[in-house]
Structures are given as C-alpha cells and as structure tokens.
Amino acid sequence: MKTALFLLLLCACSVAAYFLQFLRTSLLMDPALAIKHITPPSFSLNEVIRAAARKHQVNPAFVKSIIRAESGFSAKAVSNKGAVGLMQLMPETAHQLAVDPSVPEQNVEGGAHYLSWLLHRYQNKRDALRRAIAAYNAGPGAVDRYHGVPPFRETRAYVSRVLRFYRFYQRAAFAG
C-alpha cells in the first residue's frame, strides 16, 4: 500500500514538473506573453519631499529646511553620532518608524513622520515650531526638561539656522 501511494505521488510530481516545464518553455518564452521588466520612474527630491510632507501634513518648506540643516541635501551623510541620510535619522528612530534610513525616499518619509509627531506633541505651546525643531536636534526629553529650547549652543544655533532656511524656502515656494 505504501509503495503504491509512493509511486502514485511520484507520477503526479513528474506530470506537474513536465507541465511546468512546458509552460516555461512554450508559453512564457513567447515574447508576446513574456513579462517585461519595467523600471519604476525616479522621482526628484522635491517630489519626494512634497509627497512625504503632504502625507504627514507638514509644510514641505519645513521638511526641506531640516534636510538642508541636517545633511546639506547629501543622502550619504552620516554623523559622528550615527545619524544617517538626508534627514539624519538615528538608527533607533528609523527602526521605530519602520524605514531604512539609507534609502533617500524612506529617510524623508521617516523624517517627515517624525516632524509631524513632534509638531503634534508641541501644538499647544506658543513656541511649538521652535520646540519641534529643538526636539529634532536635541530630543524631546531635553525640550521637556528645559520647558522649551534647551540652553545648548548647538541646539540654539540649529533652531536659528532651520528657521532661516524655512523662511527662505517659504518665500521661494511663493515666488515659483
């Protein structure tokens, strides 16, 4: 009984293998039926920024100003603290956001998501934008501990720089 079942199973597998080989060689090799590889369109960084900003309801000029301050628009940037890519995401933050920080589109997606979260976190504060920028640089814990922009020289300079870039990109958006 076991031998007969084994032979029947072997025959069924042989027939299935023959059928698959037939499909592969006769049907799929026909150019009219072959699946062609189509390369996806590449998007400009501005398009990626606009899409991520729209998805997370953040001003694209704000996202762009963070990118300029963080990496100077270099997708290959890596900080001495380990932050990666255009928006200089820390690996732990990228992991929490489920993005690969070395892929520019995912980096911008993750950074815009994080900015949106920070803006939402500080939305009821009178200096919400400044706090969100400071938290992007020094972390929300530092902003909360100091009840606003921490007194760190680097963070204060960063906030000023980002705000300057933000005003520039907002004007450029209205001019163009």
C-alpha atoms as a PDB file:
ATOM      1  CA  MET A   1       0.000   0.000   0.000  1.00  0.00           C
ATOM      2  CA  LYS A   2       2.763   2.461   0.931  1.00  0.00           C
ATOM      3  CA  THR A   3       4.702   1.592  -2.216  1.00  0.00           C
ATOM      4  CA  ALA A   4       1.682   2.175  -4.455  1.00  0.00           C
ATOM      5  CA  LEU A   5       0.980   5.516  -2.772  1.00  0.00           C
ATOM      6  CA  PHE A   6       4.636   6.497  -3.191  1.00  0.00           C
ATOM      7  CA  LEU A   7       4.577   5.595  -6.923  1.00  0.00           C
ATOM      8  CA  LEU A   8       1.342   7.495  -7.441  1.00  0.00           C
ATOM      9  CA  LEU A   9       2.808  10.561  -5.724  1.00  0.00           C
ATOM     10  CA  LEU A  10       5.990  10.264  -7.800  1.00  0.00           C
ATOM     11  CA  CYS A  11       3.960  10.108 -11.023  1.00  0.00           C
ATOM     12  CA  ALA A  12       1.907  13.142 -10.012  1.00  0.00           C
ATOM     13  CA  CYS A  13       5.070  15.123  -9.295  1.00  0.00           C
ATOM     14  CA  SER A  14       6.575  14.098 -12.624  1.00  0.00           C
ATOM     15  CA  VAL A  15       3.456  15.195 -14.502  1.00  0.00           C
ATOM     16  CA  ALA A  16       3.419  18.513 -12.635  1.00  0.00           C
ATOM     17  CA  ALA A  17       7.120  19.085 -13.381  1.00  0.00           C
ATOM     18  CA  TYR A  18       6.574  18.291 -17.082  1.00  0.00           C
ATOM     19  CA  PHE A  19       3.601  20.668 -17.213  1.00  0.00           C
ATOM     20  CA  LEU A  20       5.562  23.484 -15.558  1.00  0.00           C
ATOM     21  CA  GLN A  21       8.473  22.935 -17.951  1.00  0.00           C
ATOM     22  CA  PHE A  22       6.035  23.048 -20.873  1.00  0.00           C
ATOM     23  CA  LEU A  23       4.577  26.332 -19.622  1.00  0.00           C
ATOM     24  CA  ARG A  24       8.001  27.842 -19.105  1.00  0.00           C
ATOM     25  CA  THR A  25       9.406  26.912 -22.494  1.00  0.00           C
ATOM     26  CA  SER A  26       6.414  27.287 -24.779  1.00  0.00           C
ATOM     27  CA  LEU A  27       4.118  29.896 -23.298  1.00  0.00           C
ATOM     28  CA  LEU A  28       6.365  32.169 -21.288  1.00  0.00           C
ATOM     29  CA  MET A  29       9.126  32.296 -23.859  1.00  0.00           C
ATOM     30  CA  ASP A  30       6.683  33.778 -26.352  1.00  0.00           C
ATOM     31  CA  PRO A  31       7.645  37.485 -26.477  1.00  0.00           C
ATOM     32  CA  ALA A  32       4.004  38.485 -26.622  1.00  0.00           C
ATOM     33  CA  LEU A  33       3.375  36.728 -23.305  1.00  0.00           C
ATOM     34  CA  ALA A  34       6.690  37.406 -21.592  1.00  0.00           C
ATOM     35  CA  ILE A  35       6.597  39.750 -18.612  1.00  0.00           C
ATOM     36  CA  LYS A  36       8.793  42.701 -19.354  1.00  0.00           C
ATOM     37  CA  HIS A  37      10.799  44.372 -16.643  1.00  0.00           C
ATOM     38  CA  ILE A  38       9.654  47.944 -16.344  1.00  0.00           C
ATOM     39  CA  THR A  39      11.889  50.233 -14.341  1.00  0.00           C
ATOM     40  CA  PRO A  40       9.928  52.450 -11.993  1.00  0.00           C
ATOM     41  CA  PRO A  41      10.137  56.176 -12.618  1.00  0.00           C
ATOM     42  CA  SER A  42      12.635  58.022 -10.497  1.00  0.00           C
ATOM     43  CA  PHE A  43      11.307  60.958  -8.552  1.00  0.00           C
ATOM     44  CA  SER A  44      13.128  64.174  -7.843  1.00  0.00           C
ATOM     45  CA  LEU A  45      13.967  65.004  -4.254  1.00  0.00           C
ATOM     46  CA  ASN A  46      11.433  67.845  -4.381  1.00  0.00           C
ATOM     47  CA  GLU A  47       8.710  65.378  -5.399  1.00  0.00           C
ATOM     48  CA  VAL A  48       9.702  63.011  -2.582  1.00  0.00           C
ATOM     49  CA  ILE A  49       9.653  65.881  -0.084  1.00  0.00           C
ATOM     50  CA  ARG A  50       6.258  67.129  -1.282  1.00  0.00           C
ATOM     51  CA  ALA A  51       4.740  63.629  -1.120  1.00  0.00           C
ATOM     52  CA  ALA A  52       6.052  62.893   2.389  1.00  0.00           C
ATOM     53  CA  ALA A  53       5.077  66.358   3.624  1.00  0.00           C
ATOM     54  CA  ARG A  54       1.560  66.013   2.229  1.00  0.00           C
ATOM     55  CA  LYS A  55       1.160  62.531   3.727  1.00  0.00           C
ATOM     56  CA  HIS A  56       2.195  63.708   7.193  1.00  0.00           C
ATOM     57  CA  GLN A  57       0.620  67.173   6.951  1.00  0.00           C
ATOM     58  CA  VAL A  58       3.882  69.079   7.336  1.00  0.00           C
ATOM     59  CA  ASN A  59       4.873  72.114   5.281  1.00  0.00           C
ATOM     60  CA  PRO A  60       7.290  70.967   2.524  1.00  0.00           C
ATOM     61  CA  ALA A  61       9.416  74.068   3.163  1.00  0.00           C
ATOM     62  CA  PHE A  62       9.837  72.900   6.754  1.00  0.00           C
ATOM     63  CA  VAL A  63      10.940  69.410   5.685  1.00  0.00           C
ATOM     64  CA  LYS A  64      13.357  70.936   3.182  1.00  0.00           C
ATOM     65  CA  SER A  65      14.796  73.291   5.812  1.00  0.00           C
ATOM     66  CA  ILE A  66      15.501  70.351   8.141  1.00  0.00           C
ATOM     67  CA  ILE A  67      17.183  68.434   5.312  1.00  0.00           C
ATOM     68  CA  ARG A  68      19.381  71.415   4.474  1.00  0.00           C
ATOM     69  CA  ALA A  69      20.391  71.913   8.105  1.00  0.00           C
ATOM     70  CA  GLU A  70      20.944  68.226   8.796  1.00  0.00           C
ATOM     71  CA  SER A  71      22.774  66.959   5.714  1.00  0.00           C
ATOM     72  CA  GLY A  72      23.085  69.774   3.192  1.00  0.00           C
ATOM     73  CA  PHE A  73      20.997  67.551   0.858  1.00  0.00           C
ATOM     74  CA  SER A  74      23.515  64.688   0.967  1.00  0.00           C
ATOM     75  CA  ALA A  75      21.771  61.302   1.037  1.00  0.00           C
ATOM     76  CA  LYS A  76      25.064  59.660   2.006  1.00  0.00           C
ATOM     77  CA  ALA A  77      25.666  61.831   5.081  1.00  0.00           C
ATOM     78  CA  VAL A  78      26.484  60.014   8.322  1.00  0.00           C
ATOM     79  CA  SER A  79      27.090  61.942  11.535  1.00  0.00           C
ATOM     80  CA  ASN A  80      29.705  61.101  14.131  1.00  0.00           C
ATOM     81  CA  LYS A  81      26.804  60.045  16.396  1.00  0.00           C
ATOM     82  CA  GLY A  82      25.481  57.607  13.789  1.00  0.00           C
ATOM     83  CA  ALA A  83      22.622  59.597  12.258  1.00  0.00           C
ATOM     84  CA  VAL A  84      22.062  58.602   8.634  1.00  0.00           C
ATOM     85  CA  GLY A  85      20.899  60.183   5.377  1.00  0.00           C
ATOM     86  CA  LEU A  86      19.158  63.331   4.268  1.00  0.00           C
ATOM     87  CA  MET A  87      17.250  63.912   7.486  1.00  0.00           C
ATOM     88  CA  GLN A  88      19.946  62.366   9.693  1.00  0.00           C
ATOM     89  CA  LEU A  89      17.742  59.749  11.315  1.00  0.00           C
ATOM     90  CA  MET A  90      19.223  57.841  14.209  1.00  0.00           C
ATOM     91  CA  PRO A  91      19.048  54.077  13.609  1.00  0.00           C
ATOM     92  CA  GLU A  92      16.721  53.570  16.609  1.00  0.00           C
ATOM     93  CA  THR A  93      14.340  56.264  15.361  1.00  0.00           C
ATOM     94  CA  ALA A  94      14.375  54.809  11.854  1.00  0.00           C
ATOM     95  CA  HIS A  95      13.624  51.377  13.296  1.00  0.00           C
ATOM     96  CA  GLN A  96      10.673  52.767  15.283  1.00  0.00           C
ATOM     97  CA  LEU A  97       9.385  54.439  12.118  1.00  0.00           C
ATOM     98  CA  ALA A  98       9.929  51.225  10.099  1.00  0.00           C
ATOM     99  CA  VAL A  99      12.136  52.900   7.477  1.00  0.00           C
ATOM    100  CA  ASP A 100      15.572  52.221   6.061  1.00  0.00           C
ATOM    101  CA  PRO A 101      17.447  55.486   6.678  1.00  0.00           C
ATOM    102  CA  SER A 102      19.937  54.749   3.894  1.00  0.00           C
ATOM    103  CA  VAL A 103      17.171  54.835   1.245  1.00  0.00           C
ATOM    104  CA  PRO A 104      16.527  58.531   0.491  1.00  0.00           C
ATOM    105  CA  GLU A 105      12.780  58.161  -0.075  1.00  0.00           C
ATOM    106  CA  GLN A 106      12.332  56.217   3.154  1.00  0.00           C
ATOM    107  CA  ASN A 107      14.597  58.614   5.026  1.00  0.00           C
ATOM    108  CA  VAL A 108      12.467  61.603   4.009  1.00  0.00           C
ATOM    109  CA  GLU A 109       9.298  59.634   4.773  1.00  0.00           C
ATOM    110  CA  GLY A 110      10.561  58.782   8.254  1.00  0.00           C
ATOM    111  CA  GLY A 111      11.840  62.289   8.910  1.00  0.00           C
ATOM    112  CA  ALA A 112       8.556  63.904   7.831  1.00  0.00           C
ATOM    113  CA  HIS A 113       6.651  61.437  10.013  1.00  0.00           C
ATOM    114  CA  TYR A 114       8.865  62.283  12.994  1.00  0.00           C
ATOM    115  CA  LEU A 115       8.485  66.043  12.365  1.00  0.00           C
ATOM    116  CA  SER A 116       4.722  65.616  12.225  1.00  0.00           C
ATOM    117  CA  TRP A 117       4.798  63.765  15.536  1.00  0.00           C
ATOM    118  CA  LEU A 118       6.927  66.496  17.131  1.00  0.00           C
ATOM    119  CA  LEU A 119       4.689  69.282  15.833  1.00  0.00           C
ATOM    120  CA  HIS A 120       1.662  67.449  17.189  1.00  0.00           C
ATOM    121  CA  ARG A 121       3.397  66.914  20.539  1.00  0.00           C
ATOM    122  CA  TYR A 122       4.053  70.651  20.988  1.00  0.00           C
ATOM    123  CA  GLN A 123       0.994  72.026  19.177  1.00  0.00           C
ATOM    124  CA  ASN A 124      -0.475  73.642  22.294  1.00  0.00           C
ATOM    125  CA  LYS A 125       2.699  75.550  23.154  1.00  0.00           C
ATOM    126  CA  ARG A 126       3.113  79.125  21.962  1.00  0.00           C
ATOM    127  CA  ASP A 127       6.572  78.302  20.540  1.00  0.00           C
ATOM    128  CA  ALA A 128       5.559  74.948  19.036  1.00  0.00           C
ATOM    129  CA  LEU A 129       7.675  75.257  15.892  1.00  0.00           C
ATOM    130  CA  ARG A 130      10.834  76.206  17.797  1.00  0.00           C
ATOM    131  CA  ARG A 131      10.266  73.334  20.240  1.00  0.00           C
ATOM    132  CA  ALA A 132       9.754  70.836  17.422  1.00  0.00           C
ATOM    133  CA  ILE A 133      12.976  71.975  15.738  1.00  0.00           C
ATOM    134  CA  ALA A 134      14.893  71.820  19.017  1.00  0.00           C
ATOM    135  CA  ALA A 135      13.469  68.350  19.737  1.00  0.00           C
ATOM    136  CA  TYR A 136      14.547  67.168  16.286  1.00  0.00           C
ATOM    137  CA  ASN A 137      18.084  68.187  17.218  1.00  0.00           C
ATOM    138  CA  ALA A 138      18.370  67.514  20.959  1.00  0.00           C
ATOM    139  CA  GLY A 139      15.484  65.132  21.537  1.00  0.00           C
ATOM    140  CA  PRO A 140      12.058  65.676  23.089  1.00  0.00           C
ATOM    141  CA  GLY A 141      13.380  64.807  26.538  1.00  0.00           C
ATOM    142  CA  ALA A 142      15.731  67.794  26.546  1.00  0.00           C
ATOM    143  CA  VAL A 143      12.987  70.139  25.306  1.00  0.00           C
ATOM    144  CA  ASP A 144      10.611  68.902  28.003  1.00  0.00           C
ATOM    145  CA  ARG A 145      13.270  69.100  30.717  1.00  0.00           C
ATOM    146  CA  TYR A 146      14.009  72.759  29.882  1.00  0.00           C
ATOM    147  CA  HIS A 147      10.375  73.673  29.083  1.00  0.00           C
ATOM    148  CA  GLY A 148      11.408  74.918  25.648  1.00  0.00           C
ATOM    149  CA  VAL A 149      14.564  75.195  23.566  1.00  0.00           C
ATOM    150  CA  PRO A 150      17.427  73.791  25.680  1.00  0.00           C
ATOM    151  CA  PRO A 151      20.292  76.143  26.525  1.00  0.00           C
ATOM    152  CA  PHE A 152      22.744  74.158  24.382  1.00  0.00           C
ATOM    153  CA  ARG A 153      24.711  76.378  21.996  1.00  0.00           C
ATOM    154  CA  GLU A 154      24.467  73.779  19.212  1.00  0.00           C
ATOM    155  CA  THR A 155      20.687  73.434  19.558  1.00  0.00           C
ATOM    156  CA  ARG A 156      20.043  77.181  19.704  1.00  0.00           C
ATOM    157  CA  ALA A 157      22.186  77.719  16.593  1.00  0.00           C
ATOM    158  CA  TYR A 158      20.388  74.819  14.901  1.00  0.00           C
ATOM    159  CA  VAL A 159      16.946  76.292  15.632  1.00  0.00           C
ATOM    160  CA  SER A 160      18.010  79.673  14.217  1.00  0.00           C
ATOM    161  CA  ARG A 161      19.521  78.057  11.129  1.00  0.00           C
ATOM    162  CA  VAL A 162      16.427  75.934  10.422  1.00  0.00           C
ATOM    163  CA  LEU A 163      14.099  78.924  10.866  1.00  0.00           C
ATOM    164  CA  ARG A 164      16.238  80.966   8.453  1.00  0.00           C
ATOM    165  CA  PHE A 165      16.096  78.153   5.873  1.00  0.00           C
ATOM    166  CA  TYR A 166      12.363  77.763   6.483  1.00  0.00           C
ATOM    167  CA  ARG A 167      11.673  81.433   5.719  1.00  0.00           C
ATOM    168  CA  PHE A 168      13.835  81.152   2.584  1.00  0.00           C
ATOM    169  CA  TYR A 169      12.014  78.054   1.268  1.00  0.00           C
ATOM    170  CA  GLN A 170       8.608  79.524   2.070  1.00  0.00           C
ATOM    171  CA  ARG A 171       9.449  82.654   0.052  1.00  0.00           C
ATOM    172  CA  ALA A 172      10.834  80.512  -2.774  1.00  0.00           C
ATOM    173  CA  ALA A 173       7.615  78.469  -2.853  1.00  0.00           C
ATOM    174  CA  PHE A 174       5.529  81.622  -3.252  1.00  0.00           C
ATOM    175  CA  ALA A 175       7.887  83.096  -5.848  1.00  0.00           C
ATOM    176  CA  GLY A 176       7.915  79.952  -8.002  1.00  0.00           C
END
